[in-house]
Amino acid sequence: MNGTFLTLNPKAKIFEELKTQQLKWWSLLREDNELYIEIRKDNYINVYYYGGSVAKIVYANGFVAETHQKYLGDDEPRGKTKKGTDIFKYDPIDLANLNETNIADIKNRIKSDYLRHINDENPAEKWIQGKMIKGNSNYIDSEFQFNQDTEIGKLRIDLIELTGGVLSFVELKGISDSRLRNDSIRNVNTPEIIEQMRKYHLFINKYEMELLDYYKKLIEIKNNLGLTKIVCPKLTLNKIPKLIIANTYTKDTLGRRERIQDIEKLLKNHNIDYKILR
């Protein structure tokens, strides 16, 4: 079944062909210092530029890649939904003719369309995520998805960290995220982050053995493709999910100090393992 832990196969055709073929486009993507490459459960590859998808690559009688039409320069909607929302599609990438200029164009379009306001106090969370991944090789995976358990629901976990042989699942939030605390006007209920971390905890503990097996295979694939050089004879799992809050405030005000204090009080009351990073 697609989307399960068991579908990931280090011997899948896509990974075997990438190992044996000398592909110029693969070298360009792998060696670009601004990109990072993730392996997915159904044996395909995502290439990211700070959270924006440069390419999804599959193997179907050859390598096939696609990206959002806007990232290839086509901003024209291709229809409307029933609610009147514009429809956009994913278009193929010509891998045989991919070069540094094409890649730079895609990155620039991602930056302008998807990662707006990266230089202000409230940058895109994916921009922060990408900077963390590029700055710390301990982050071996990102955007981990799971939707095979009705009790847990749909999960998308931002970062997976491997430090000292211990795997940790990490949620990332910006300091301005409204889901981090309750509000007497807009959000009187328990903040969403508490339920989110509870589900992560349930998921990690319920699927401990499957996660360890899955990440052993993922590490094998990444090592084989030259994406990582991880030496880890034994993996263990941190059964408590982590929360990282990126404090991007540039001005110190009373209201902001109070917000941070409220968030920390809430997280401590719920025994959340968290850090606030600048």
C-alpha atoms as a PDB file:
ATOM      1  CA  MET A   1       0.000   0.000   0.000  1.00  0.00           C
ATOM      2  CA  ASN A   2       1.316   3.437  -0.930  1.00  0.00           C
ATOM      3  CA  GLY A   3       2.302   5.736   1.903  1.00  0.00           C
ATOM      4  CA  THR A   4       3.241   2.958   4.317  1.00  0.00           C
ATOM      5  CA  PHE A   5       6.630   2.307   5.873  1.00  0.00           C
ATOM      6  CA  LEU A   6       7.020  -0.999   4.023  1.00  0.00           C
ATOM      7  CA  THR A   7       7.029   0.496   0.530  1.00  0.00           C
ATOM      8  CA  LEU A   8      10.466   2.124   0.862  1.00  0.00           C
ATOM      9  CA  ASN A   9      12.964  -0.155  -0.865  1.00  0.00           C
ATOM     10  CA  PRO A  10      16.720   0.552  -1.102  1.00  0.00           C
ATOM     11  CA  LYS A  11      16.786  -1.730  -4.163  1.00  0.00           C
ATOM     12  CA  ALA A  12      14.054   0.158  -6.012  1.00  0.00           C
ATOM     13  CA  LYS A  13      14.864   0.887  -9.653  1.00  0.00           C
ATOM     14  CA  ILE A  14      15.120   4.639  -9.127  1.00  0.00           C
ATOM     15  CA  PHE A  15      17.866   4.314  -6.534  1.00  0.00           C
ATOM     16  CA  GLU A  16      19.753   1.565  -8.378  1.00  0.00           C
ATOM     17  CA  GLU A  17      19.770   3.594 -11.610  1.00  0.00           C
ATOM     18  CA  LEU A  18      20.937   6.756  -9.849  1.00  0.00           C
ATOM     19  CA  LYS A  19      23.852   4.802  -8.386  1.00  0.00           C
ATOM     20  CA  THR A  20      24.970   3.274 -11.665  1.00  0.00           C
ATOM     21  CA  GLN A  21      24.248   5.978 -14.253  1.00  0.00           C
ATOM     22  CA  GLN A  22      26.433   9.056 -14.604  1.00  0.00           C
ATOM     23  CA  LEU A  23      23.686  11.636 -14.927  1.00  0.00           C
ATOM     24  CA  LYS A  24      24.591  15.285 -15.371  1.00  0.00           C
ATOM     25  CA  TRP A  25      21.254  16.562 -14.066  1.00  0.00           C
ATOM     26  CA  TRP A  26      21.567  14.458 -10.920  1.00  0.00           C
ATOM     27  CA  SER A  27      25.045  15.805 -10.235  1.00  0.00           C
ATOM     28  CA  LEU A  28      23.775  19.363 -10.691  1.00  0.00           C
ATOM     29  CA  LEU A  29      20.948  18.860  -8.196  1.00  0.00           C
ATOM     30  CA  ARG A  30      23.021  16.928  -5.690  1.00  0.00           C
ATOM     31  CA  GLU A  31      25.923  19.389  -5.702  1.00  0.00           C
ATOM     32  CA  ASP A  32      23.879  22.601  -5.541  1.00  0.00           C
ATOM     33  CA  ASN A  33      24.584  24.075  -2.106  1.00  0.00           C
ATOM     34  CA  GLU A  34      21.157  25.697  -1.869  1.00  0.00           C
ATOM     35  CA  LEU A  35      19.177  22.520  -2.535  1.00  0.00           C
ATOM     36  CA  TYR A  36      18.448  19.501  -0.390  1.00  0.00           C
ATOM     37  CA  ILE A  37      17.138  16.130  -1.451  1.00  0.00           C
ATOM     38  CA  GLU A  38      14.673  13.933   0.416  1.00  0.00           C
ATOM     39  CA  ILE A  39      13.740  10.278  -0.086  1.00  0.00           C
ATOM     40  CA  ARG A  40      10.052   9.397   0.073  1.00  0.00           C
ATOM     41  CA  LYS A  41       8.216   6.275   1.216  1.00  0.00           C
ATOM     42  CA  ASP A  42       6.876   5.391  -2.222  1.00  0.00           C
ATOM     43  CA  ASN A  43      10.374   5.358  -3.735  1.00  0.00           C
ATOM     44  CA  TYR A  44      10.523   8.773  -5.278  1.00  0.00           C
ATOM     45  CA  ILE A  45      12.627  11.856  -4.623  1.00  0.00           C
ATOM     46  CA  ASN A  46      11.823  15.453  -3.710  1.00  0.00           C
ATOM     47  CA  VAL A  47      14.325  18.227  -4.355  1.00  0.00           C
ATOM     48  CA  TYR A  48      13.771  21.359  -2.291  1.00  0.00           C
ATOM     49  CA  TYR A  49      14.887  24.953  -2.268  1.00  0.00           C
ATOM     50  CA  TYR A  50      14.109  26.171   1.246  1.00  0.00           C
ATOM     51  CA  GLY A  51      10.842  24.238   1.384  1.00  0.00           C
ATOM     52  CA  GLY A  52       9.798  24.985  -2.177  1.00  0.00           C
ATOM     53  CA  SER A  53       9.679  21.900  -4.380  1.00  0.00           C
ATOM     54  CA  VAL A  54      12.172  22.253  -7.227  1.00  0.00           C
ATOM     55  CA  ALA A  55      11.369  18.786  -8.528  1.00  0.00           C
ATOM     56  CA  LYS A  56       9.588  15.553  -7.788  1.00  0.00           C
ATOM     57  CA  ILE A  57      11.489  12.725  -9.474  1.00  0.00           C
ATOM     58  CA  VAL A  58      10.094   9.256 -10.137  1.00  0.00           C
ATOM     59  CA  TYR A  59      11.238   6.319 -12.231  1.00  0.00           C
ATOM     60  CA  ALA A  60       8.788   5.044 -14.854  1.00  0.00           C
ATOM     61  CA  ASN A  61      10.730   3.405 -17.684  1.00  0.00           C
ATOM     62  CA  GLY A  62      13.199   6.218 -17.176  1.00  0.00           C
ATOM     63  CA  PHE A  63      13.504   9.242 -14.945  1.00  0.00           C
ATOM     64  CA  VAL A  64      10.532  11.611 -14.919  1.00  0.00           C
ATOM     65  CA  ALA A  65      10.483  14.944 -13.082  1.00  0.00           C
ATOM     66  CA  GLU A  66       7.883  17.634 -12.552  1.00  0.00           C
ATOM     67  CA  THR A  67       7.437  20.928 -10.759  1.00  0.00           C
ATOM     68  CA  HIS A  68       4.744  23.550 -10.285  1.00  0.00           C
ATOM     69  CA  GLN A  69       3.922  25.313 -13.546  1.00  0.00           C
ATOM     70  CA  LYS A  70       4.685  28.710 -11.972  1.00  0.00           C
ATOM     71  CA  TYR A  71       8.243  27.641 -11.267  1.00  0.00           C
ATOM     72  CA  LEU A  72       8.686  27.050 -14.995  1.00  0.00           C
ATOM     73  CA  GLY A  73       7.399  30.530 -15.797  1.00  0.00           C
ATOM     74  CA  ASP A  74       3.734  29.794 -16.546  1.00  0.00           C
ATOM     75  CA  ASP A  75       1.524  31.931 -14.290  1.00  0.00           C
ATOM     76  CA  GLU A  76      -1.702  31.393 -16.227  1.00  0.00           C
ATOM     77  CA  PRO A  77      -4.395  29.440 -14.309  1.00  0.00           C
ATOM     78  CA  ARG A  78      -5.659  26.306 -16.026  1.00  0.00           C
ATOM     79  CA  GLY A  79      -9.241  26.549 -14.989  1.00  0.00           C
ATOM     80  CA  LYS A  80     -11.278  27.247 -11.886  1.00  0.00           C
ATOM     81  CA  THR A  81     -12.543  25.114  -9.037  1.00  0.00           C
ATOM     82  CA  LYS A  82     -16.254  25.059  -8.178  1.00  0.00           C
ATOM     83  CA  LYS A  83     -15.516  27.748  -5.592  1.00  0.00           C
ATOM     84  CA  GLY A  84     -13.822  29.923  -8.190  1.00  0.00           C
ATOM     85  CA  THR A  85     -10.248  29.334  -7.081  1.00  0.00           C
ATOM     86  CA  ASP A  86      -7.582  29.249  -9.768  1.00  0.00           C
ATOM     87  CA  ILE A  87      -6.287  25.819 -10.740  1.00  0.00           C
ATOM     88  CA  PHE A  88      -2.578  25.326 -11.320  1.00  0.00           C
ATOM     89  CA  LYS A  89      -0.841  22.165 -12.488  1.00  0.00           C
ATOM     90  CA  TYR A  90       2.526  20.436 -12.324  1.00  0.00           C
ATOM     91  CA  ASP A  91       4.533  20.364 -15.539  1.00  0.00           C
ATOM     92  CA  PRO A  92       7.381  18.101 -16.642  1.00  0.00           C
ATOM     93  CA  ILE A  93      11.005  19.151 -16.349  1.00  0.00           C
ATOM     94  CA  ASP A  94      13.334  18.363 -19.233  1.00  0.00           C
ATOM     95  CA  LEU A  95      16.011  16.564 -17.231  1.00  0.00           C
ATOM     96  CA  ALA A  96      18.201  15.872 -20.254  1.00  0.00           C
ATOM     97  CA  ASN A  97      18.658  19.607 -20.832  1.00  0.00           C
ATOM     98  CA  LEU A  98      18.611  20.767 -17.215  1.00  0.00           C
ATOM     99  CA  ASN A  99      21.444  23.181 -16.452  1.00  0.00           C
ATOM    100  CA  GLU A 100      22.536  25.703 -13.828  1.00  0.00           C
ATOM    101  CA  THR A 101      20.523  28.474 -15.465  1.00  0.00           C
ATOM    102  CA  ASN A 102      17.295  26.445 -15.435  1.00  0.00           C
ATOM    103  CA  ILE A 103      17.802  25.581 -11.780  1.00  0.00           C
ATOM    104  CA  ALA A 104      18.536  29.202 -10.863  1.00  0.00           C
ATOM    105  CA  ASP A 105      15.357  30.305 -12.657  1.00  0.00           C
ATOM    106  CA  ILE A 106      13.255  27.783 -10.698  1.00  0.00           C
ATOM    107  CA  LYS A 107      14.828  28.886  -7.418  1.00  0.00           C
ATOM    108  CA  ASN A 108      14.174  32.563  -8.177  1.00  0.00           C
ATOM    109  CA  ARG A 109      10.537  31.851  -8.990  1.00  0.00           C
ATOM    110  CA  ILE A 110      10.125  29.852  -5.783  1.00  0.00           C
ATOM    111  CA  LYS A 111      11.606  32.731  -3.827  1.00  0.00           C
ATOM    112  CA  SER A 112       9.280  35.304  -5.385  1.00  0.00           C
ATOM    113  CA  ASP A 113       6.101  33.207  -5.410  1.00  0.00           C
ATOM    114  CA  TYR A 114       6.378  30.862  -2.416  1.00  0.00           C
ATOM    115  CA  LEU A 115       8.914  32.386  -0.042  1.00  0.00           C
ATOM    116  CA  ARG A 116       7.837  36.017   0.040  1.00  0.00           C
ATOM    117  CA  HIS A 117       8.906  38.294   2.912  1.00  0.00           C
ATOM    118  CA  ILE A 118      12.009  36.269   3.785  1.00  0.00           C
ATOM    119  CA  ASN A 119      13.764  39.373   5.050  1.00  0.00           C
ATOM    120  CA  ASP A 120      11.104  40.700   7.405  1.00  0.00           C
ATOM    121  CA  GLU A 121      10.142  39.741  10.955  1.00  0.00           C
ATOM    122  CA  ASN A 122       7.753  37.019   9.866  1.00  0.00           C
ATOM    123  CA  PRO A 123       9.534  34.978   7.190  1.00  0.00           C
ATOM    124  CA  ALA A 124       8.001  31.856   5.686  1.00  0.00           C
ATOM    125  CA  GLU A 125       8.341  28.889   8.032  1.00  0.00           C
ATOM    126  CA  LYS A 126       9.715  26.821   5.147  1.00  0.00           C
ATOM    127  CA  TRP A 127      12.479  29.368   4.641  1.00  0.00           C
ATOM    128  CA  ILE A 128      13.482  28.934   8.272  1.00  0.00           C
ATOM    129  CA  GLN A 129      13.233  25.166   7.890  1.00  0.00           C
ATOM    130  CA  GLY A 130      15.463  25.186   4.825  1.00  0.00           C
ATOM    131  CA  LYS A 131      18.103  27.301   6.565  1.00  0.00           C
ATOM    132  CA  MET A 132      18.109  24.876   9.484  1.00  0.00           C
ATOM    133  CA  ILE A 133      18.488  21.865   7.184  1.00  0.00           C
ATOM    134  CA  LYS A 134      21.302  23.442   5.197  1.00  0.00           C
ATOM    135  CA  GLY A 135      23.049  24.541   8.377  1.00  0.00           C
ATOM    136  CA  ASN A 136      22.854  21.271  10.281  1.00  0.00           C
ATOM    137  CA  SER A 137      23.607  17.875   8.741  1.00  0.00           C
ATOM    138  CA  ASN A 138      21.912  16.177  11.700  1.00  0.00           C
ATOM    139  CA  TYR A 139      18.581  16.893  10.015  1.00  0.00           C
ATOM    140  CA  ILE A 140      18.335  13.797   7.821  1.00  0.00           C
ATOM    141  CA  ASP A 141      14.730  14.170   6.660  1.00  0.00           C
ATOM    142  CA  SER A 142      11.959  16.740   6.423  1.00  0.00           C
ATOM    143  CA  GLU A 143       8.236  16.959   5.692  1.00  0.00           C
ATOM    144  CA  PHE A 144       7.596  13.415   6.911  1.00  0.00           C
ATOM    145  CA  GLN A 145       3.982  12.515   6.105  1.00  0.00           C
ATOM    146  CA  PHE A 146       1.776   9.788   7.520  1.00  0.00           C
ATOM    147  CA  ASN A 147      -1.964   9.304   7.065  1.00  0.00           C
ATOM    148  CA  GLN A 148      -2.528   5.583   7.610  1.00  0.00           C
ATOM    149  CA  ASP A 149      -4.021   5.709  11.117  1.00  0.00           C
ATOM    150  CA  THR A 150      -7.486   7.149  11.751  1.00  0.00           C
ATOM    151  CA  GLU A 151      -6.775   7.508  15.468  1.00  0.00           C
ATOM    152  CA  ILE A 152      -3.848   9.810  14.761  1.00  0.00           C
ATOM    153  CA  GLY A 153      -5.081  11.494  11.604  1.00  0.00           C
ATOM    154  CA  LYS A 154      -2.882  13.189   9.032  1.00  0.00           C
ATOM    155  CA  LEU A 155       0.649  14.079  10.092  1.00  0.00           C
ATOM    156  CA  ARG A 156       3.312  16.185   8.439  1.00  0.00           C
ATOM    157  CA  ILE A 157       6.359  16.484  10.679  1.00  0.00           C
ATOM    158  CA  ASP A 158       8.797  19.245   9.779  1.00  0.00           C
ATOM    159  CA  LEU A 159      12.190  17.789  10.684  1.00  0.00           C
ATOM    160  CA  ILE A 160      13.781  14.488  11.643  1.00  0.00           C
ATOM    161  CA  GLU A 161      17.044  14.807  13.524  1.00  0.00           C
ATOM    162  CA  LEU A 162      19.713  12.164  14.053  1.00  0.00           C
ATOM    163  CA  THR A 163      22.169  12.960  16.829  1.00  0.00           C
ATOM    164  CA  GLY A 164      24.336  10.390  18.549  1.00  0.00           C
ATOM    165  CA  GLY A 165      22.316   7.544  17.058  1.00  0.00           C
ATOM    166  CA  VAL A 166      19.036   8.943  18.409  1.00  0.00           C
ATOM    167  CA  LEU A 167      16.208   9.867  16.036  1.00  0.00           C
ATOM    168  CA  SER A 168      14.017  12.786  17.086  1.00  0.00           C
ATOM    169  CA  PHE A 169      10.890  14.151  15.414  1.00  0.00           C
ATOM    170  CA  VAL A 170      10.811  17.945  15.428  1.00  0.00           C
ATOM    171  CA  GLU A 171       7.983  20.404  14.875  1.00  0.00           C
ATOM    172  CA  LEU A 172       8.980  23.914  13.781  1.00  0.00           C
ATOM    173  CA  LYS A 173       6.957  27.057  14.407  1.00  0.00           C
ATOM    174  CA  GLY A 174       7.622  30.751  13.939  1.00  0.00           C
ATOM    175  CA  ILE A 175       7.221  32.895  17.027  1.00  0.00           C
ATOM    176  CA  SER A 176       4.264  34.742  15.490  1.00  0.00           C
ATOM    177  CA  ASP A 177       2.279  31.567  14.793  1.00  0.00           C
ATOM    178  CA  SER A 178      -1.213  31.935  16.251  1.00  0.00           C
ATOM    179  CA  ARG A 179      -1.329  28.228  17.091  1.00  0.00           C
ATOM    180  CA  LEU A 180       1.227  28.668  19.880  1.00  0.00           C
ATOM    181  CA  ARG A 181      -1.040  30.223  22.477  1.00  0.00           C
ATOM    182  CA  ASN A 182      -4.681  30.873  23.225  1.00  0.00           C
ATOM    183  CA  ASP A 183      -6.331  34.206  22.810  1.00  0.00           C
ATOM    184  CA  SER A 184      -9.366  35.501  24.698  1.00  0.00           C
ATOM    185  CA  ILE A 185     -10.808  36.883  21.455  1.00  0.00           C
ATOM    186  CA  ARG A 186      -9.665  34.684  18.556  1.00  0.00           C
ATOM    187  CA  ASN A 187      -8.746  31.403  20.230  1.00  0.00           C
ATOM    188  CA  VAL A 188     -10.244  30.612  23.627  1.00  0.00           C
ATOM    189  CA  ASN A 189      -9.591  26.885  23.339  1.00  0.00           C
ATOM    190  CA  THR A 190      -6.373  25.006  24.049  1.00  0.00           C
ATOM    191  CA  PRO A 191      -3.841  26.092  21.416  1.00  0.00           C
ATOM    192  CA  GLU A 192      -3.473  23.781  18.442  1.00  0.00           C
ATOM    193  CA  ILE A 193       0.194  23.086  19.171  1.00  0.00           C
ATOM    194  CA  ILE A 194      -0.735  21.047  22.257  1.00  0.00           C
ATOM    195  CA  GLU A 195      -2.934  18.637  20.297  1.00  0.00           C
ATOM    196  CA  GLN A 196      -0.375  18.524  17.515  1.00  0.00           C
ATOM    197  CA  MET A 197       2.421  17.474  19.876  1.00  0.00           C
ATOM    198  CA  ARG A 198       0.116  14.952  21.552  1.00  0.00           C
ATOM    199  CA  LYS A 199      -0.520  13.280  18.205  1.00  0.00           C
ATOM    200  CA  TYR A 200       3.190  13.218  17.424  1.00  0.00           C
ATOM    201  CA  HIS A 201       3.851  11.554  20.769  1.00  0.00           C
ATOM    202  CA  LEU A 202       1.175   8.937  20.112  1.00  0.00           C
ATOM    203  CA  PHE A 203       2.517   8.281  16.618  1.00  0.00           C
ATOM    204  CA  ILE A 204       6.155   7.907  17.687  1.00  0.00           C
ATOM    205  CA  ASN A 205       5.350   5.501  20.489  1.00  0.00           C
ATOM    206  CA  LYS A 206       2.832   3.481  18.497  1.00  0.00           C
ATOM    207  CA  TYR A 207       5.149   2.975  15.509  1.00  0.00           C
ATOM    208  CA  GLU A 208       8.563   2.816  17.174  1.00  0.00           C
ATOM    209  CA  MET A 209       9.814  -0.350  15.449  1.00  0.00           C
ATOM    210  CA  GLU A 210       8.442   0.631  12.044  1.00  0.00           C
ATOM    211  CA  LEU A 211      10.101   4.050  12.279  1.00  0.00           C
ATOM    212  CA  LEU A 212      13.460   2.562  13.226  1.00  0.00           C
ATOM    213  CA  ASP A 213      13.313   0.103  10.319  1.00  0.00           C
ATOM    214  CA  TYR A 214      12.205   2.850   7.941  1.00  0.00           C
ATOM    215  CA  TYR A 215      15.029   5.197   8.866  1.00  0.00           C
ATOM    216  CA  LYS A 216      17.632   2.466   8.623  1.00  0.00           C
ATOM    217  CA  LYS A 217      16.548   2.026   5.006  1.00  0.00           C
ATOM    218  CA  LEU A 218      16.396   5.772   4.354  1.00  0.00           C
ATOM    219  CA  ILE A 219      19.930   6.234   5.691  1.00  0.00           C
ATOM    220  CA  GLU A 220      21.144   3.344   3.517  1.00  0.00           C
ATOM    221  CA  ILE A 221      19.626   4.978   0.426  1.00  0.00           C
ATOM    222  CA  LYS A 222      21.007   8.433   1.186  1.00  0.00           C
ATOM    223  CA  ASN A 223      24.463   7.019   1.849  1.00  0.00           C
ATOM    224  CA  ASN A 224      24.364   4.972  -1.361  1.00  0.00           C
ATOM    225  CA  LEU A 225      23.409   8.063  -3.387  1.00  0.00           C
ATOM    226  CA  GLY A 226      26.157  10.178  -1.878  1.00  0.00           C
ATOM    227  CA  LEU A 227      23.703  12.473  -0.110  1.00  0.00           C
ATOM    228  CA  THR A 228      24.975  11.631   3.374  1.00  0.00           C
ATOM    229  CA  LYS A 229      27.876   9.870   5.040  1.00  0.00           C
ATOM    230  CA  ILE A 230      26.119   8.595   8.122  1.00  0.00           C
ATOM    231  CA  VAL A 231      27.811   5.908  10.205  1.00  0.00           C
ATOM    232  CA  CYS A 232      25.326   4.683  12.781  1.00  0.00           C
ATOM    233  CA  PRO A 233      25.585   1.031  13.849  1.00  0.00           C
ATOM    234  CA  LYS A 234      22.514   1.313  16.063  1.00  0.00           C
ATOM    235  CA  LEU A 235      19.477   3.579  15.947  1.00  0.00           C
ATOM    236  CA  THR A 236      17.265   4.439  18.883  1.00  0.00           C
ATOM    237  CA  LEU A 237      14.165   6.600  18.996  1.00  0.00           C
ATOM    238  CA  ASN A 238      13.472   9.621  21.141  1.00  0.00           C
ATOM    239  CA  LYS A 239       9.890   8.915  22.207  1.00  0.00           C
ATOM    240  CA  ILE A 240       9.212  12.552  23.024  1.00  0.00           C
ATOM    241  CA  PRO A 241       8.719  14.911  20.058  1.00  0.00           C
ATOM    242  CA  LYS A 242      10.562  18.213  20.083  1.00  0.00           C
ATOM    243  CA  LEU A 243       9.264  21.682  19.350  1.00  0.00           C
ATOM    244  CA  ILE A 244      11.533  24.410  18.000  1.00  0.00           C
ATOM    245  CA  ILE A 245      10.221  27.970  17.931  1.00  0.00           C
ATOM    246  CA  ALA A 246      12.097  30.423  15.739  1.00  0.00           C
ATOM    247  CA  ASN A 247      12.150  33.830  17.389  1.00  0.00           C
ATOM    248  CA  THR A 248      12.422  36.187  14.433  1.00  0.00           C
ATOM    249  CA  TYR A 249      11.454  39.330  16.322  1.00  0.00           C
ATOM    250  CA  THR A 250      13.824  42.203  15.639  1.00  0.00           C
ATOM    251  CA  LYS A 251      12.249  44.595  18.141  1.00  0.00           C
ATOM    252  CA  ASP A 252      11.836  43.984  21.852  1.00  0.00           C
ATOM    253  CA  THR A 253       8.480  45.200  23.189  1.00  0.00           C
ATOM    254  CA  LEU A 254       6.470  44.501  26.319  1.00  0.00           C
ATOM    255  CA  GLY A 255       3.755  42.787  24.298  1.00  0.00           C
ATOM    256  CA  ARG A 256       6.252  40.466  22.667  1.00  0.00           C
ATOM    257  CA  ARG A 257       7.932  39.601  25.956  1.00  0.00           C
ATOM    258  CA  GLU A 258       4.516  38.787  27.410  1.00  0.00           C
ATOM    259  CA  ARG A 259       3.671  36.631  24.392  1.00  0.00           C
ATOM    260  CA  ILE A 260       6.867  34.619  24.782  1.00  0.00           C
ATOM    261  CA  GLN A 261       6.221  34.215  28.511  1.00  0.00           C
ATOM    262  CA  ASP A 262       2.671  32.996  27.824  1.00  0.00           C
ATOM    263  CA  ILE A 263       3.916  30.482  25.270  1.00  0.00           C
ATOM    264  CA  GLU A 264       6.614  29.149  27.582  1.00  0.00           C
ATOM    265  CA  LYS A 265       4.174  28.830  30.476  1.00  0.00           C
ATOM    266  CA  LEU A 266       1.756  26.864  28.305  1.00  0.00           C
ATOM    267  CA  LEU A 267       4.435  24.511  26.983  1.00  0.00           C
ATOM    268  CA  LYS A 268       5.860  23.865  30.443  1.00  0.00           C
ATOM    269  CA  ASN A 269       2.402  23.135  31.837  1.00  0.00           C
ATOM    270  CA  HIS A 270       1.947  20.484  29.146  1.00  0.00           C
ATOM    271  CA  ASN A 271       5.468  19.055  29.489  1.00  0.00           C
ATOM    272  CA  ILE A 272       6.421  19.910  25.911  1.00  0.00           C
ATOM    273  CA  ASP A 273      10.099  19.528  25.037  1.00  0.00           C
ATOM    274  CA  TYR A 274      10.808  22.878  23.390  1.00  0.00           C
ATOM    275  CA  LYS A 275      13.495  25.399  22.512  1.00  0.00           C
ATOM    276  CA  ILE A 276      13.180  29.000  21.371  1.00  0.00           C
ATOM    277  CA  LEU A 277      15.954  29.853  18.937  1.00  0.00           C
ATOM    278  CA  ARG A 278      16.974  33.158  17.436  1.00  0.00           C
END
